[in-house]
Amino acid sequence: MGDDGRTRVIHVKVDIDGRGVIQAVVGRGAAANAVARPDVVVLWAPAEDGFSLIADGVASVEGEPRGDTPITIEVSSAVRHRPAPL
């Protein structure tokens, strides 16, 4: 969520370590938002079976926000979400 209270959505490539911790590199604005509001949601596009993965977590930022800021997300819960009916 941005300073104006509106939801922010970004698209990034993520890596997941053996403990399920998500790591990515984000831009300065997204990093600043994560510092100010660390509760985040991560959504993966549907897999072949049509189910998406939605994970809630807490983001932390390494260093000052800049154009290529490393971010880590500790996942607190996740759910596979079924496809919406057409």
Protein backbone atom coordinates (compact mmCIF):
# COMPACT_ATOMS: atom_id res chain seq x y z
CA MET A 1 0.00 0.00 0.00
CA GLY A 2 1.29 3.42 -0.87
CA ASP A 3 1.25 6.61 1.19
CA ASP A 4 -2.11 7.45 -0.38
CA GLY A 5 -3.71 4.27 1.01
CA ARG A 6 -4.04 2.60 -2.38
CA THR A 7 -2.83 -0.95 -2.95
CA ARG A 8 0.43 -1.29 -4.86
CA VAL A 9 1.17 -4.24 -7.12
CA ILE A 10 4.56 -5.05 -8.60
CA HIS A 11 5.91 -7.91 -10.68
CA VAL A 12 9.28 -9.34 -9.65
CA LYS A 13 11.32 -12.50 -10.06
CA VAL A 14 11.60 -14.27 -6.71
CA ASP A 15 13.86 -16.94 -5.25
CA ILE A 16 12.77 -19.21 -2.39
CA ASP A 17 15.34 -20.71 -0.06
CA GLY A 18 15.10 -24.11 1.66
CA ARG A 19 13.17 -22.60 4.60
CA GLY A 20 10.51 -21.03 2.36
CA VAL A 21 11.88 -17.50 2.71
CA ILE A 22 11.23 -15.38 -0.38
CA GLN A 23 14.00 -13.16 -1.72
CA ALA A 24 13.77 -10.64 -4.54
CA VAL A 25 15.23 -7.38 -5.82
CA VAL A 26 12.82 -4.43 -6.02
CA GLY A 27 12.97 -0.77 -6.95
CA ARG A 28 13.32 2.19 -4.62
CA GLY A 29 9.57 2.89 -4.33
CA ALA A 30 8.62 -0.71 -3.55
CA ALA A 31 11.45 -0.96 -1.02
CA ALA A 32 10.36 2.25 0.72
CA ASN A 33 6.79 0.92 0.89
CA ALA A 34 8.04 -2.34 2.42
CA VAL A 35 9.98 -0.41 5.07
CA ALA A 36 6.91 1.70 5.95
CA ARG A 37 4.37 -1.14 5.66
CA PRO A 38 6.10 -4.54 5.92
CA ASP A 39 2.96 -6.73 5.76
CA VAL A 40 2.80 -8.00 2.18
CA VAL A 41 0.99 -10.54 0.00
CA VAL A 42 2.72 -12.53 -2.75
CA LEU A 43 0.68 -14.07 -5.58
CA TRP A 44 1.90 -16.69 -8.04
CA ALA A 45 0.19 -17.17 -11.38
CA PRO A 46 -1.85 -20.36 -11.74
CA ALA A 47 0.03 -23.63 -12.09
CA GLU A 48 -0.91 -26.24 -14.69
CA ASP A 49 -3.71 -27.47 -12.41
CA GLY A 50 -5.22 -23.95 -12.40
CA PHE A 51 -4.47 -23.25 -8.74
CA SER A 52 -2.65 -20.05 -7.70
CA LEU A 53 -0.53 -19.69 -4.57
CA ILE A 54 -1.16 -16.73 -2.26
CA ALA A 55 1.27 -16.12 0.62
CA ASP A 56 1.09 -13.58 3.45
CA GLY A 57 4.37 -12.42 4.92
CA VAL A 58 6.50 -9.75 6.48
CA ALA A 59 9.05 -7.96 4.31
CA SER A 60 12.43 -6.67 5.40
CA VAL A 61 14.78 -4.52 3.37
CA GLU A 62 18.57 -4.63 3.38
CA GLY A 63 19.99 -1.10 3.51
CA GLU A 64 18.48 2.09 2.18
CA PRO A 65 15.87 1.85 -0.61
CA ARG A 66 17.49 2.31 -4.03
CA GLY A 67 16.88 1.16 -7.59
CA ASP A 68 17.98 -2.43 -6.91
CA THR A 69 17.13 -3.15 -3.28
CA PRO A 70 17.28 -6.72 -1.91
CA ILE A 71 14.10 -7.63 -0.04
CA THR A 72 13.32 -10.69 2.09
CA ILE A 73 9.81 -11.91 2.91
CA GLU A 74 9.21 -14.27 5.83
CA VAL A 75 6.03 -16.17 4.94
CA SER A 76 3.50 -16.48 7.77
CA SER A 77 0.76 -18.35 5.89
CA ALA A 78 -0.06 -19.53 2.39
CA VAL A 79 -2.96 -21.07 0.53
CA ARG A 80 -3.50 -22.62 -2.88
CA HIS A 81 -6.48 -20.87 -4.41
CA ARG A 82 -8.79 -22.64 -6.82
CA PRO A 83 -9.64 -21.10 -10.17
CA ALA A 84 -12.64 -18.78 -10.28
CA PRO A 85 -15.66 -20.18 -12.11
CA LEU A 86 -16.27 -18.71 -15.54
